[in-house]
Each structure stands twice: as structure tokens, then as C-alpha cells.
C-alpha atoms as a PDB file:
ATOM      1  CA  MET A   1      17.531   9.860  -6.040  1.00  0.00           C
ATOM      2  CA  ALA A   2      14.050  10.306  -4.639  1.00  0.00           C
ATOM      3  CA  ARG A   3      12.683   9.803  -8.136  1.00  0.00           C
ATOM      4  CA  ILE A   4      14.644   6.567  -8.486  1.00  0.00           C
ATOM      5  CA  ALA A   5      13.165   5.265  -5.233  1.00  0.00           C
ATOM      6  CA  SER A   6       9.665   6.252  -6.295  1.00  0.00           C
ATOM      7  CA  CYS A   7      10.059   4.703  -9.754  1.00  0.00           C
ATOM      8  CA  CYS A   8      11.402   1.454  -8.285  1.00  0.00           C
ATOM      9  CA  LEU A   9       8.475   1.377  -5.864  1.00  0.00           C
ATOM     10  CA  VAL A  10       5.862   1.954  -8.582  1.00  0.00           C
ATOM     11  CA  VAL A  11       7.295  -0.699 -10.911  1.00  0.00           C
ATOM     12  CA  TYR A  12       7.654  -3.228  -8.081  1.00  0.00           C
ATOM     13  CA  TRP A  13       4.161  -2.544  -6.737  1.00  0.00           C
ATOM     14  CA  LEU A  14       2.624  -2.956 -10.200  1.00  0.00           C
ATOM     15  CA  ALA A  15       4.477  -6.252 -10.600  1.00  0.00           C
ATOM     16  CA  ILE A  16       3.148  -7.512  -7.258  1.00  0.00           C
ATOM     17  CA  PHE A  17      -0.395  -6.437  -8.098  1.00  0.00           C
ATOM     18  CA  THR A  18      -0.233  -8.085 -11.510  1.00  0.00           C
ATOM     19  CA  GLY A  19       1.217 -11.295 -10.091  1.00  0.00           C
ATOM     20  CA  THR A  20      -1.368 -11.601  -7.348  1.00  0.00           C
ATOM     21  CA  HIS A  21      -4.311 -10.891  -9.641  1.00  0.00           C
ATOM     22  CA  LEU A  22      -3.586 -13.353 -12.412  1.00  0.00           C
ATOM     23  CA  PRO A  23      -6.002 -16.282 -12.423  1.00  0.00           C
ATOM     24  CA  GLY A  24      -4.517 -19.194 -10.496  1.00  0.00           C
ATOM     25  CA  SER A  25      -4.845 -21.502 -13.501  1.00  0.00           C
ATOM     26  CA  SER A  26      -2.543 -19.280 -15.591  1.00  0.00           C
ATOM     27  CA  LEU A  27       0.336 -19.422 -13.104  1.00  0.00           C
ATOM     28  CA  PRO A  28       3.228 -21.835 -13.615  1.00  0.00           C
ATOM     29  CA  GLY A  29       3.632 -24.654 -11.127  1.00  0.00           C
ATOM     30  CA  ILE A  30       5.857 -23.366  -8.332  1.00  0.00           C
ATOM     31  CA  THR A  31       7.382 -25.732  -5.800  1.00  0.00           C
ATOM     32  CA  VAL A  32       8.026 -23.018  -3.204  1.00  0.00           C
ATOM     33  CA  SER A  33       5.334 -22.367  -0.613  1.00  0.00           C
ATOM     34  CA  ASP A  34       3.135 -19.427  -1.531  1.00  0.00           C
ATOM     35  CA  LYS A  35       3.692 -18.114   2.003  1.00  0.00           C
ATOM     36  CA  VAL A  36       7.406 -17.749   1.237  1.00  0.00           C
ATOM     37  CA  LEU A  37       6.529 -15.886  -1.963  1.00  0.00           C
ATOM     38  CA  HIS A  38       4.195 -13.596  -0.016  1.00  0.00           C
ATOM     39  CA  ALA A  39       6.882 -12.864   2.572  1.00  0.00           C
ATOM     40  CA  LEU A  40       9.488 -12.148  -0.109  1.00  0.00           C
ATOM     41  CA  ALA A  41       7.155  -9.896  -2.078  1.00  0.00           C
ATOM     42  CA  PHE A  42       6.270  -7.811   0.961  1.00  0.00           C
ATOM     43  CA  THR A  43       9.896  -7.698   2.127  1.00  0.00           C
ATOM     44  CA  GLY A  44      10.713  -5.862  -1.087  1.00  0.00           C
ATOM     45  CA  LEU A  45       7.586  -3.712  -0.986  1.00  0.00           C
ATOM     46  CA  SER A  46       8.130  -2.500   2.574  1.00  0.00           C
ATOM     47  CA  PHE A  47      11.846  -1.834   1.956  1.00  0.00           C
ATOM     48  CA  LEU A  48      11.038   0.251  -1.118  1.00  0.00           C
ATOM     49  CA  LEU A  49       8.231   2.071   0.708  1.00  0.00           C
ATOM     50  CA  ALA A  50      10.575   3.041   3.538  1.00  0.00           C
ATOM     51  CA  TRP A  51      13.146   4.234   0.993  1.00  0.00           C
ATOM     52  CA  ALA A  52      10.661   6.188  -1.119  1.00  0.00           C
ATOM     53  CA  LEU A  53       8.740   7.919   1.686  1.00  0.00           C
ATOM     54  CA  PRO A  54      10.150  11.244   2.878  1.00  0.00           C
ATOM     55  CA  THR A  55      12.237  11.047   6.045  1.00  0.00           C
ATOM     56  CA  MET A  56      10.639  12.990   8.895  1.00  0.00           C
ATOM     57  CA  LYS A  57      12.453  14.961  11.589  1.00  0.00           C
ATOM     58  CA  ASN A  58      12.158  12.242  14.244  1.00  0.00           C
ATOM     59  CA  GLY A  59      13.670   9.755  11.807  1.00  0.00           C
ATOM     60  CA  LEU A  60      11.319   6.777  12.043  1.00  0.00           C
ATOM     61  CA  THR A  61       7.916   8.207  11.146  1.00  0.00           C
ATOM     62  CA  HIS A  62       8.373   7.199   7.512  1.00  0.00           C
ATOM     63  CA  VAL A  63       9.093   3.616   8.611  1.00  0.00           C
ATOM     64  CA  ALA A  64       5.856   3.499  10.602  1.00  0.00           C
ATOM     65  CA  TRP A  65       3.992   4.884   7.583  1.00  0.00           C
ATOM     66  CA  ALA A  66       5.643   2.271   5.369  1.00  0.00           C
ATOM     67  CA  ALA A  67       4.490  -0.489   7.733  1.00  0.00           C
ATOM     68  CA  ALA A  68       0.931   0.866   7.836  1.00  0.00           C
ATOM     69  CA  ILE A  69       0.709   1.280   4.057  1.00  0.00           C
ATOM     70  CA  ALA A  70       2.135  -2.185   3.352  1.00  0.00           C
ATOM     71  CA  ALA A  71      -0.146  -3.881   5.913  1.00  0.00           C
ATOM     72  CA  THR A  72      -3.189  -2.067   4.545  1.00  0.00           C
ATOM     73  CA  TYR A  73      -2.276  -3.051   1.005  1.00  0.00           C
ATOM     74  CA  SER A  74      -1.813  -6.659   2.132  1.00  0.00           C
ATOM     75  CA  CYS A  75      -5.411  -6.762   3.354  1.00  0.00           C
ATOM     76  CA  ILE A  76      -6.761  -5.026   0.242  1.00  0.00           C
ATOM     77  CA  ASP A  77      -4.750  -7.348  -1.998  1.00  0.00           C
ATOM     78  CA  GLU A  78      -6.152 -10.450  -0.311  1.00  0.00           C
ATOM     79  CA  LEU A  79      -9.717  -9.160  -0.395  1.00  0.00           C
ATOM     80  CA  THR A  80      -9.557  -8.307  -4.092  1.00  0.00           C
ATOM     81  CA  GLN A  81      -8.232 -11.784  -4.904  1.00  0.00           C
ATOM     82  CA  MET A  82     -11.685 -13.149  -4.037  1.00  0.00           C
ATOM     83  CA  PHE A  83     -12.833 -11.753  -7.386  1.00  0.00           C
ATOM     84  CA  VAL A  84     -10.080 -13.482  -9.402  1.00  0.00           C
ATOM     85  CA  PRO A  85     -10.783 -16.995 -10.739  1.00  0.00           C
ATOM     86  CA  SER A  86      -8.908 -19.755  -8.869  1.00  0.00           C
ATOM     87  CA  ARG A  87      -7.782 -17.301  -6.177  1.00  0.00           C
ATOM     88  CA  SER A  88      -8.957 -16.911  -2.596  1.00  0.00           C
ATOM     89  CA  CYS A  89      -8.606 -14.680   0.421  1.00  0.00           C
ATOM     90  CA  ASP A  90      -6.381 -16.316   3.047  1.00  0.00           C
ATOM     91  CA  ILE A  91      -5.593 -14.887   6.487  1.00  0.00           C
ATOM     92  CA  PHE A  92      -2.340 -16.872   6.500  1.00  0.00           C
ATOM     93  CA  ASP A  93      -1.238 -15.003   3.370  1.00  0.00           C
ATOM     94  CA  ILE A  94      -1.740 -11.759   5.291  1.00  0.00           C
ATOM     95  CA  ALA A  95       0.329 -13.195   8.151  1.00  0.00           C
ATOM     96  CA  ALA A  96       3.111 -14.088   5.695  1.00  0.00           C
ATOM     97  CA  ASP A  97       2.889 -10.577   4.250  1.00  0.00           C
ATOM     98  CA  CYS A  98       3.320  -9.123   7.744  1.00  0.00           C
ATOM     99  CA  VAL A  99       6.404 -11.274   8.316  1.00  0.00           C
ATOM    100  CA  GLY A 100       7.782  -9.909   5.045  1.00  0.00           C
ATOM    101  CA  ILE A 101       6.967  -6.358   6.137  1.00  0.00           C
ATOM    102  CA  ALA A 102       8.887  -6.869   9.373  1.00  0.00           C
ATOM    103  CA  VAL A 103      11.881  -8.337   7.523  1.00  0.00           C
ATOM    104  CA  GLY A 104      11.876  -5.579   4.892  1.00  0.00           C
ATOM    105  CA  LEU A 105      11.688  -2.736   7.390  1.00  0.00           C
ATOM    106  CA  SER A 106      14.272  -4.352   9.660  1.00  0.00           C
ATOM    107  CA  SER A 107      16.591  -4.742   6.664  1.00  0.00           C
ATOM    108  CA  TYR A 108      16.026  -1.103   5.722  1.00  0.00           C
ATOM    109  CA  LEU A 109      16.812   0.089   9.262  1.00  0.00           C
ATOM    110  CA  ILE A 110      19.913  -2.110   9.582  1.00  0.00           C
ATOM    111  CA  LEU A 111      21.252  -0.991   6.203  1.00  0.00           C
ATOM    112  CA  ARG A 112      20.552   2.636   7.086  1.00  0.00           C
ATOM    113  CA  GLN A 113      22.365   2.256  10.418  1.00  0.00           C
ATOM    114  CA  LEU A 114      25.367   0.601   8.747  1.00  0.00           C
ATOM    115  CA  LEU A 115      25.575   3.357   6.135  1.00  0.00           C
ATOM    116  CA  GLN A 116      25.527   6.024   8.847  1.00  0.00           C
ATOM    117  CA  GLN A 117      28.711   4.536  10.311  1.00  0.00           C
ATOM    118  CA  VAL A 118      30.926   5.656   7.416  1.00  0.00           C
ATOM    119  CA  ALA A 119      31.384   9.063   5.772  1.00  0.00           C
ATOM    120  CA  TRP A 120      30.493   7.912   2.244  1.00  0.00           C
ATOM    121  CA  GLY A 121      27.410   6.192   3.673  1.00  0.00           C
ATOM    122  CA  ARG A 122      26.235   9.399   5.360  1.00  0.00           C
ATOM    123  CA  LYS A 123      26.758  11.266   2.089  1.00  0.00           C
ATOM    124  CA  LEU A 124      24.821   8.599   0.196  1.00  0.00           C
ATOM    125  CA  LEU A 125      21.982   8.697   2.715  1.00  0.00           C
ATOM    126  CA  GLY A 126      21.887  12.464   2.455  1.00  0.00           C
ATOM    127  CA  SER A 127      21.478  12.265  -1.295  1.00  0.00           C
ATOM    128  CA  LEU A 128      18.872   9.477  -1.067  1.00  0.00           C
ATOM    129  CA  SER A 129      16.739  11.091   1.610  1.00  0.00           C
ATOM    130  CA  ARG A 130      14.116  13.658   0.792  1.00  0.00           C
END
């Protein structure tokens, strides 16, 4: 299961990187705010990071690492967009990414807590955790 989490993370992360580094002129017209898209993208990224990172003894260290990695990537992603035609670095995109990180990690923690309430959920978590 750890391999599944890691594979999902790699594929998703590559998709985000590709999507954010395409020239702006080649993107289809989207009527949704780009801030919403940023938040959604980083919701998924942070959830998958928390799932793929090994669970530590104290239980939440991997979640803190997931938050730090996702926030760092958000900044790097925005900075590298300065070199892509029709793209720019925007601090509000980073803010939207951070909102997505908070939503993704909160969702991960809530789902984990709900699964721990039932026997099959504990068994599933045991098989998914490293």
C-alpha cells in the first residue's frame, strides 16, 4: 500500500508541475478563479503527501513534514513560473496554496480519525501505514 501512495503522489505531483508550467497562452479559458484551482491542487498534494510519508511514533510528525514540504513546493512553484511565458509569481497564489494545504491535511486527519473508530478502519490504516 505504501507503494500505491507513493505512486499516486508522484503522478499527481508531476501533473501539478506540468499544469503550472505550461505557458499561459496554451491553457484553455477557465471560468473558475485560479485561486480555487490552486487551493484544490494543494489540497490533493498535501493529502497525498501525508498518506505517502511514513508515520512516526508520535503520530503527527509526518503531517508536519507534509505541510512543510507542500508549503516549500508552493513557493518554489511560484518562483519558477516567472520563467514561463505568460505566467507570473503571485503571493496570493501561495496564500491559496496554503489554504489548500490546510484543507488537505485537515481532511487527512479527519479521515484517519474516522477510520480508527471501526475495526476494519484500523486494519486498513495498519496496512496503509509504513
